[in-house]
Amino acid sequence: EGYKEGKSYVLQGKTCVNDVSVAVASKSDKDIPDSTQLWHMRLGHMSERGMLTLQKQQLLGNQKLNELKFCEHCVFGKQHRIKFPKAVHTTKGTLDYIHADCWGPSRVPSLGGGRYFLSIIDDYSRMTWIYIMSHKNQAFRYFKEWKALMENQIGKKIKRFRTDNDLEFCLAEFNNFCKDEGIVRQLTVRNTPQQNGVAERMNRTDGILTCMNLR
């Protein structure tokens, strides 16, 4: 029980001098972390290897470290996506395999009012074409223009076309056009930009070059 004194409430009780007795009173033996687990938590859930390094440097006092037990908090706090293996392309000629992606919107429009751009990359030569757009739905029109230009100049047909699964690349007219032209579509899984790495990395490169030229 407690009582009110002015604007404060005073709790009447006994103070335990021994810290261990407080821990024992509040937790069972299995819930009390050993010295290894305690250091693990105090050091921001450091790995066992990291703690062994600190022990060798005598930064943990005289504490003896045991094998670190399974830590559920580490599983949820440190989990990340599985690493994607590097893709290996065996393209043998130009226009055999084409990558494309849309970027935007930018916070500041271009001089022509564009806030998006379409990047098209030939896998074999790594030649890149950039089209500035005012809206993403213009991607299909610019792709048709680029296709007609390239096939007329090079004298070859596009065989495979890889893009992400965004709406601008999944329009019915886009799919029907590629089907009629005999182009094999390769659509990535949603929210997985790693599967369209060539185009995504090119977008980053273009963005860096643009920012550097503005300085």
Foldseek 3Di string as FASTA:
>chain_A
DWDDDPPDIDDDDDDDPDPVVVVVVVDPPVPDDDPQVVVCVVVVNDDPVVVVVCVVVCNSPPDDHDDDDDDPCCCVVVDDDDDDDDDDDDDDDWLAEKEKEKDDQDPDADPVQFRMKMWMATPPVRDIDIDTDNDLLCVLVVVVVVQVVVCVVVVDHHAEYEYEDDPSCPDPVNVVVCVVSNHHYHYDDPPCCVVRVSHVVVVVVVVVVVVVVVD
